[in-house]
Amino acid sequence: MRLRIATFNLENLGEKPHHAGAGVPLAARIEALRPQLQRLEADVLCLQEINGQIRRAGGYELAALNALLQTTDYVNFARVETEKGPGEGALDIHNLAILSRFPVAVSRQLRHDVVPAPVHRMVTADPPAETSADVRWERPLLHATLSLPGGQPLHVLNLHLRSPLAAHIPGQKSGPFAWKSVAGWAEGFFLAAVKRAGQALEARLVVDEIFDAEAQALIAVCGDCNAEARETAVRLLTGDEEDTGNGALAGRALVAVERSIPHDLRFSVLHNGRKTMLDHLLVSRALMGWYRNAEIHNEALGDELVAFANIGASPESYHAPVVAGFELPD
C-alpha cells in the first residue's frame, strides 16, 4: 500500500481577522499554492499557518483553507484542525490542520496539557517586574490517530514551533523589530528559545506516551520546527541515542527523512542566501522500515528576506513542502 505523508507551512493563508482588506488577494494565493498541494499527491497532509475568518455568528472558521482545497482531492479528506475550545471554532491565526485519506480514529489538541508553563521572573523589564509569570507558548500541537487499511493505527503529530524572534519584554521595545537595549533583546530571545523548546518537549512526551502503549508504533511528527537538525528543538523531538547515551532507547528515536536527500538540496527555507532546513518530517523506526523516498519541493523557493524587502504582495509561501513516500504491506 502506497502512503505519502507531507507537511507544508502555507504562511499566513487568509487575511488575519484584524487586518481585513489588506495584503494579497486570496485568489492569487490559491493560484500559487494549489499546484503545490496537487504535486504532493499526499495521503496525509499536515498544514501550518492557516488564519481564521470571522463567521456571521461569531467565532472563526477556516474559509480560506476551504477555498484552497476546492477542486483538489483533499476536499474529501477527513480533517482535524485546531480550535479555540470544543465547539468554539478555529483560532484567529496560525491554525494547524491534518488532512487524511484514511479515517481519523481519535484526535486531540495539546498546549500545556503535558508540560506545565515554566515560570520566569523578568530581569530587564522596565519598570522592573516584582513578580514571576508563566511562560506560555502561543500555539498548540495537533495529534491524530489514523486508521490505516487493516486497522493499523498511524499516529500523526502536526506542530509549528515558536520562531527565534525575541519575545516581548515590557518596556524594552522601541518599535516592532527594534529594541532599546541588547540586554532586553537577549532576555526576549531567551524566552523565545524556552517557548520553542517547551513545545518540542511537549511533543516528545506525547511520542513517548505512544511508545509506552505501542512499542512498534507508526509515528510521524511533521511541521515547521523553526530549527535545524542539530538545534535543541529538533534534538528534543528525535531523541537520538547519541544524546540519551543509552542504546536500549534507540527504538524510541525518530528519524528525519530529509537525511536521505543530498545536502545541497536539503533546505526548506532560503534566508538572505542561506539554505536552512526548518520544516521536518520525523518518523519512528517502525514506519522507517517502509520508507522509500523523500522530496523537498524547493525548486521555485524564493528568499524570504529579499522578498520582504523588495517584493510587494507576494502570493507565495517562503517554505517548501516536504513529502515522504512509504510502501506498507497490503
Protein backbone atom coordinates (compact mmCIF):
# COMPACT_ATOMS: atom_id res chain seq x y z
CA MET A 1 0.00 0.00 0.00
CA ARG A 2 1.36 3.36 -1.01
CA LEU A 3 1.48 6.03 1.71
CA ARG A 4 2.64 9.61 1.17
CA ILE A 5 2.90 11.97 4.16
CA ALA A 6 3.55 15.67 3.61
CA THR A 7 3.98 18.88 5.58
CA PHE A 8 3.63 22.43 4.29
CA ASN A 9 3.68 25.82 6.03
CA LEU A 10 1.21 27.89 3.98
CA GLU A 11 2.49 31.09 5.60
CA ASN A 12 -0.50 33.12 6.76
CA LEU A 13 -3.14 31.70 4.46
CA GLY A 14 -6.16 34.00 4.53
CA GLU A 15 -6.33 37.54 5.82
CA LYS A 16 -5.68 37.92 9.51
CA PRO A 17 -9.08 38.65 11.06
CA HIS A 18 -7.95 42.01 12.47
CA HIS A 19 -6.34 43.06 9.15
CA ALA A 20 -9.31 42.54 6.82
CA GLY A 21 -8.86 44.09 3.38
CA ALA A 22 -5.04 44.24 3.46
CA GLY A 23 -2.41 42.07 1.87
CA VAL A 24 -2.63 39.61 -1.01
CA PRO A 25 -5.99 38.62 -2.57
CA LEU A 26 -6.95 35.07 -1.66
CA ALA A 27 -7.42 34.18 -5.33
CA ALA A 28 -3.77 35.00 -6.02
CA ARG A 29 -2.63 32.88 -3.09
CA ILE A 30 -4.76 29.95 -4.24
CA GLU A 31 -3.34 30.23 -7.75
CA ALA A 32 0.19 29.94 -6.33
CA LEU A 33 -0.45 27.30 -3.63
CA ARG A 34 -2.96 24.89 -5.14
CA PRO A 35 -0.50 23.42 -7.72
CA GLN A 36 1.97 22.80 -4.91
CA LEU A 37 -0.64 20.83 -2.97
CA GLN A 38 -1.62 18.83 -6.04
CA ARG A 39 2.01 17.95 -6.76
CA LEU A 40 2.39 16.43 -3.29
CA GLU A 41 -0.17 13.68 -4.01
CA ALA A 42 -0.33 13.23 -0.25
CA ASP A 43 -2.44 10.67 1.58
CA VAL A 44 -1.79 12.53 4.84
CA LEU A 45 -1.15 16.28 4.74
CA CYS A 46 -0.10 18.48 7.67
CA LEU A 47 -0.59 22.22 7.16
CA GLN A 48 0.54 25.16 9.28
CA GLU A 49 -0.20 28.90 9.44
CA ILE A 50 -3.85 28.98 8.46
CA ASN A 51 -5.70 32.10 9.58
CA GLY A 52 -9.34 32.04 10.59
CA GLN A 53 -12.08 34.22 9.12
CA ILE A 54 -14.86 35.74 11.18
CA ARG A 55 -18.21 33.95 10.94
CA ARG A 56 -21.52 35.78 10.93
CA ALA A 57 -22.50 34.03 14.13
CA GLY A 58 -19.16 34.92 15.75
CA GLY A 59 -16.00 32.93 16.15
CA TYR A 60 -13.70 31.88 13.31
CA GLU A 61 -13.75 29.35 10.51
CA LEU A 62 -11.11 28.24 8.01
CA ALA A 63 -12.89 29.63 4.94
CA ALA A 64 -9.62 30.39 3.14
CA LEU A 65 -8.47 26.80 3.56
CA ASN A 66 -11.83 25.54 2.30
CA ALA A 67 -11.42 27.66 -0.83
CA LEU A 68 -7.85 26.47 -1.38
CA LEU A 69 -8.85 22.80 -1.20
CA GLN A 70 -11.67 23.09 -3.73
CA THR A 71 -11.07 21.06 -6.94
CA THR A 72 -8.32 19.05 -5.19
CA ASP A 73 -8.55 15.50 -3.83
CA TYR A 74 -8.04 16.92 -0.34
CA VAL A 75 -11.52 18.44 -0.26
CA ASN A 76 -12.93 14.98 0.50
CA PHE A 77 -10.29 14.01 3.07
CA ALA A 78 -11.02 13.62 6.75
CA ARG A 79 -9.84 16.75 8.55
CA VAL A 80 -8.73 17.74 12.04
CA GLU A 81 -7.91 21.34 12.90
CA THR A 82 -7.03 23.44 15.90
CA GLU A 83 -9.82 25.24 17.72
CA LYS A 84 -10.28 27.85 20.42
CA GLY A 85 -12.24 25.38 22.53
CA PRO A 86 -14.57 22.42 21.97
CA GLY A 87 -17.21 23.54 19.50
CA GLU A 88 -15.96 27.16 19.54
CA GLY A 89 -14.48 27.27 16.04
CA ALA A 90 -10.94 27.88 14.87
CA LEU A 91 -8.26 30.10 16.36
CA ASP A 92 -7.89 33.58 14.88
CA ILE A 93 -4.41 32.96 13.43
CA HIS A 94 -1.84 30.19 12.92
CA ASN A 95 -4.19 27.22 12.91
CA LEU A 96 -2.93 23.72 12.17
CA ALA A 97 -4.76 21.14 10.07
CA ILE A 98 -4.28 17.44 9.39
CA LEU A 99 -5.96 16.10 6.25
CA SER A 100 -6.18 12.34 5.78
CA ARG A 101 -7.35 9.93 3.12
CA PHE A 102 -7.83 7.47 5.99
CA PRO A 103 -10.41 7.72 8.78
CA VAL A 104 -9.48 9.63 11.92
CA ALA A 105 -9.97 7.31 14.89
CA VAL A 106 -9.25 9.93 17.54
CA SER A 107 -7.65 13.37 17.74
CA ARG A 108 -6.61 15.86 20.36
CA GLN A 109 -5.11 19.32 20.70
CA LEU A 110 -2.40 19.88 23.30
CA ARG A 111 -0.93 23.03 24.83
CA HIS A 112 0.41 22.73 28.36
CA ASP A 113 -1.60 19.52 28.78
CA VAL A 114 1.60 17.54 29.29
CA VAL A 115 4.17 20.23 30.12
CA PRO A 116 3.20 22.98 32.58
CA ALA A 117 4.21 26.52 31.67
CA PRO A 118 7.69 27.34 33.06
CA VAL A 119 7.89 30.26 35.47
CA HIS A 120 10.19 33.21 34.75
CA ARG A 121 10.93 36.45 36.58
CA MET A 122 11.71 39.32 34.22
CA VAL A 123 15.24 40.68 34.56
CA THR A 124 15.21 43.63 32.15
CA ALA A 125 11.55 44.74 32.23
CA ASP A 126 11.01 48.49 32.55
CA PRO A 127 9.63 49.25 35.06
CA PRO A 128 11.17 46.32 36.95
CA ALA A 129 8.90 43.30 37.40
CA GLU A 130 8.34 42.28 41.00
CA THR A 131 6.57 39.00 40.33
CA SER A 132 7.17 35.88 38.29
CA ALA A 133 4.97 34.94 35.35
CA ASP A 134 4.20 31.80 33.39
CA VAL A 135 5.96 31.42 30.05
CA ARG A 136 3.19 30.02 27.85
CA TRP A 137 3.66 29.02 24.23
CA GLU A 138 1.21 30.58 21.82
CA ARG A 139 0.41 27.60 19.58
CA PRO A 140 -0.92 24.12 20.37
CA LEU A 141 0.12 20.89 18.70
CA LEU A 142 -2.30 18.56 16.97
CA HIS A 143 -2.29 14.75 17.34
CA ALA A 144 -4.46 12.50 15.18
CA THR A 145 -4.58 8.70 15.18
CA LEU A 146 -5.49 7.46 11.70
CA SER A 147 -6.89 4.03 10.86
CA LEU A 148 -4.90 2.50 8.01
CA PRO A 149 -6.44 -0.29 5.94
CA GLY A 150 -6.44 -3.40 8.09
CA GLY A 151 -6.93 -1.31 11.23
CA GLN A 152 -3.28 -0.49 12.00
CA PRO A 153 -3.01 2.94 13.65
CA LEU A 154 -0.82 5.72 12.28
CA HIS A 155 -0.04 8.49 14.76
CA VAL A 156 0.47 11.92 13.20
CA LEU A 157 1.63 14.98 15.17
CA ASN A 158 1.42 18.36 13.46
CA LEU A 159 3.29 21.24 15.06
CA HIS A 160 4.54 24.76 14.47
CA LEU A 161 7.22 25.73 16.94
CA ARG A 162 7.95 29.27 18.09
CA SER A 163 10.20 31.33 15.82
CA PRO A 164 13.54 32.67 17.11
CA LEU A 165 12.13 36.21 17.04
CA ALA A 166 12.65 37.61 20.54
CA ALA A 167 9.59 37.51 22.81
CA HIS A 168 8.05 40.66 24.30
CA ILE A 169 9.73 42.24 27.33
CA PRO A 170 7.72 45.08 28.94
CA GLY A 171 9.24 48.49 28.28
CA GLN A 172 12.11 47.19 26.14
CA LYS A 173 10.77 47.73 22.60
CA SER A 174 11.15 50.97 20.62
CA GLY A 175 9.37 49.57 17.54
CA PRO A 176 8.00 46.31 16.09
CA PHE A 177 11.51 44.99 15.41
CA ALA A 178 13.64 47.44 17.40
CA TRP A 179 14.92 47.12 20.96
CA LYS A 180 16.04 49.73 23.48
CA SER A 181 18.88 47.58 24.82
CA VAL A 182 20.87 44.50 23.96
CA ALA A 183 20.01 43.11 27.40
CA GLY A 184 16.27 43.45 26.71
CA TRP A 185 16.60 41.75 23.32
CA ALA A 186 18.72 38.98 24.87
CA GLU A 187 16.10 38.21 27.50
CA GLY A 188 13.38 38.19 24.82
CA PHE A 189 15.48 35.89 22.65
CA PHE A 190 15.99 33.58 25.63
CA LEU A 191 12.23 33.42 26.29
CA ALA A 192 11.55 32.61 22.63
CA ALA A 193 14.01 29.72 22.91
CA VAL A 194 12.28 28.49 26.08
CA LYS A 195 8.91 28.52 24.34
CA ARG A 196 10.24 26.67 21.29
CA ALA A 197 11.98 24.05 23.40
CA GLY A 198 8.91 23.70 25.61
CA GLN A 199 6.68 22.97 22.62
CA ALA A 200 9.18 20.39 21.38
CA LEU A 201 9.34 18.79 24.83
CA GLU A 202 5.55 18.51 24.96
CA ALA A 203 5.52 16.81 21.55
CA ARG A 204 8.34 14.47 22.60
CA LEU A 205 6.46 13.42 25.73
CA VAL A 206 3.40 12.66 23.60
CA VAL A 207 5.61 10.48 21.38
CA ASP A 208 6.91 8.61 24.43
CA GLU A 209 3.36 8.17 25.68
CA ILE A 210 2.52 6.50 22.35
CA PHE A 211 5.58 4.25 22.59
CA ASP A 212 4.60 3.26 26.14
CA ALA A 213 1.34 1.89 24.75
CA GLU A 214 2.74 0.50 21.49
CA ALA A 215 6.46 -0.27 21.19
CA GLN A 216 6.34 -0.61 17.37
CA ALA A 217 4.07 2.37 16.77
CA LEU A 218 3.91 4.02 13.37
CA ILE A 219 4.54 7.69 14.18
CA ALA A 220 5.12 10.77 12.01
CA VAL A 221 5.93 14.16 13.56
CA CYS A 222 5.51 16.86 10.93
CA GLY A 223 5.77 20.61 10.77
CA ASP A 224 7.71 23.84 10.93
CA CYS A 225 10.18 23.47 13.80
CA ASN A 226 11.91 26.82 13.23
CA ALA A 227 15.10 24.89 13.95
CA GLU A 228 17.64 22.85 12.04
CA ALA A 229 18.55 19.24 12.70
CA ARG A 230 21.14 19.72 15.46
CA GLU A 231 19.39 22.57 17.24
CA THR A 232 17.73 21.99 20.59
CA ALA A 233 14.10 21.68 19.44
CA VAL A 234 14.76 19.01 16.81
CA ARG A 235 17.12 17.12 19.11
CA LEU A 236 14.36 17.02 21.72
CA LEU A 237 11.98 15.58 19.15
CA THR A 238 14.31 12.97 17.65
CA GLY A 239 15.81 11.68 20.92
CA ASP A 240 18.90 10.17 19.28
CA GLU A 241 20.81 7.53 21.21
CA GLU A 242 23.92 9.75 20.89
CA ASP A 243 22.07 12.21 23.13
CA THR A 244 20.50 9.75 25.56
CA GLY A 245 23.67 7.65 25.82
CA ASN A 246 21.54 4.51 26.06
CA GLY A 247 21.37 2.01 23.20
CA ALA A 248 18.28 0.40 24.74
CA LEU A 249 16.36 3.58 23.86
CA ALA A 250 17.32 3.54 20.18
CA GLY A 251 13.90 2.16 19.20
CA ARG A 252 12.28 5.32 20.55
CA ALA A 253 14.35 7.68 18.43
CA LEU A 254 12.74 9.41 15.48
CA VAL A 255 14.45 9.63 12.10
CA ALA A 256 14.46 12.76 9.92
CA VAL A 257 13.63 11.59 6.39
CA GLU A 258 15.47 14.60 4.93
CA ARG A 259 18.76 12.84 5.72
CA SER A 260 18.37 10.74 2.58
CA ILE A 261 18.32 13.89 0.41
CA PRO A 262 21.68 15.24 -0.87
CA HIS A 263 22.97 18.01 1.37
CA ASP A 264 22.94 20.72 -1.33
CA LEU A 265 19.22 20.06 -1.93
CA ARG A 266 18.32 19.72 1.76
CA PHE A 267 16.60 23.04 2.54
CA SER A 268 13.04 24.25 3.04
CA VAL A 269 13.72 27.97 3.58
CA LEU A 270 16.10 30.48 1.99
CA HIS A 271 17.07 33.36 4.30
CA ASN A 272 19.41 36.01 2.90
CA GLY A 273 21.01 33.43 0.63
CA ARG A 274 21.43 30.84 3.39
CA LYS A 275 19.80 27.46 2.85
CA THR A 276 18.07 26.22 6.02
CA MET A 277 16.05 23.10 6.82
CA LEU A 278 13.34 24.29 9.21
CA ASP A 279 10.43 22.07 8.11
CA HIS A 280 10.83 18.46 9.18
CA LEU A 281 9.18 15.08 8.82
CA LEU A 282 10.35 12.77 11.61
CA VAL A 283 9.26 9.13 11.74
CA SER A 284 9.52 6.18 14.10
CA ARG A 285 11.82 3.25 13.31
CA ALA A 286 8.81 1.05 12.63
CA LEU A 287 7.49 3.46 10.00
CA MET A 288 11.01 4.00 8.64
CA GLY A 289 11.07 0.31 7.79
CA TRP A 290 8.60 1.04 4.99
CA TYR A 291 10.28 4.28 3.85
CA ARG A 292 11.09 4.63 0.16
CA ASN A 293 11.88 8.24 -0.68
CA ALA A 294 11.64 11.90 0.35
CA GLU A 295 11.21 15.11 -1.62
CA ILE A 296 11.59 18.79 -0.77
CA HIS A 297 9.79 20.89 -3.36
CA ASN A 298 12.16 23.85 -3.21
CA GLU A 299 12.86 24.40 -6.92
CA ALA A 300 10.90 27.67 -7.08
CA LEU A 301 11.53 28.76 -3.49
CA GLY A 302 12.21 32.49 -3.05
CA ASP A 303 14.46 34.13 -0.47
CA GLU A 304 12.21 35.28 2.37
CA LEU A 305 14.44 38.19 3.45
CA VAL A 306 14.93 39.50 -0.10
CA ALA A 307 11.20 39.17 -0.76
CA PHE A 308 10.32 41.07 2.42
CA ALA A 309 12.50 43.98 1.30
CA ASN A 310 11.80 44.03 -2.43
CA ILE A 311 8.54 42.28 -3.35
CA GLY A 312 5.11 43.69 -2.63
CA ALA A 313 2.12 41.42 -2.07
CA SER A 314 3.77 38.10 -2.97
CA PRO A 315 1.28 35.18 -3.03
CA GLU A 316 3.98 32.58 -2.34
CA SER A 317 4.86 30.69 0.78
CA TYR A 318 8.53 31.01 1.62
CA HIS A 319 8.54 27.49 2.99
CA ALA A 320 8.96 24.45 0.74
CA PRO A 321 6.67 21.43 1.19
CA VAL A 322 8.31 18.21 2.39
CA VAL A 323 6.88 14.80 1.46
CA ALA A 324 7.92 11.23 2.26
CA GLY A 325 6.81 8.05 0.49
CA PHE A 326 6.29 4.67 2.13
CA GLU A 327 5.25 1.27 0.86
CA LEU A 328 3.37 -0.63 3.54
CA PRO A 329 2.29 -4.28 3.18
CA ASP A 330 -1.30 -4.73 1.98
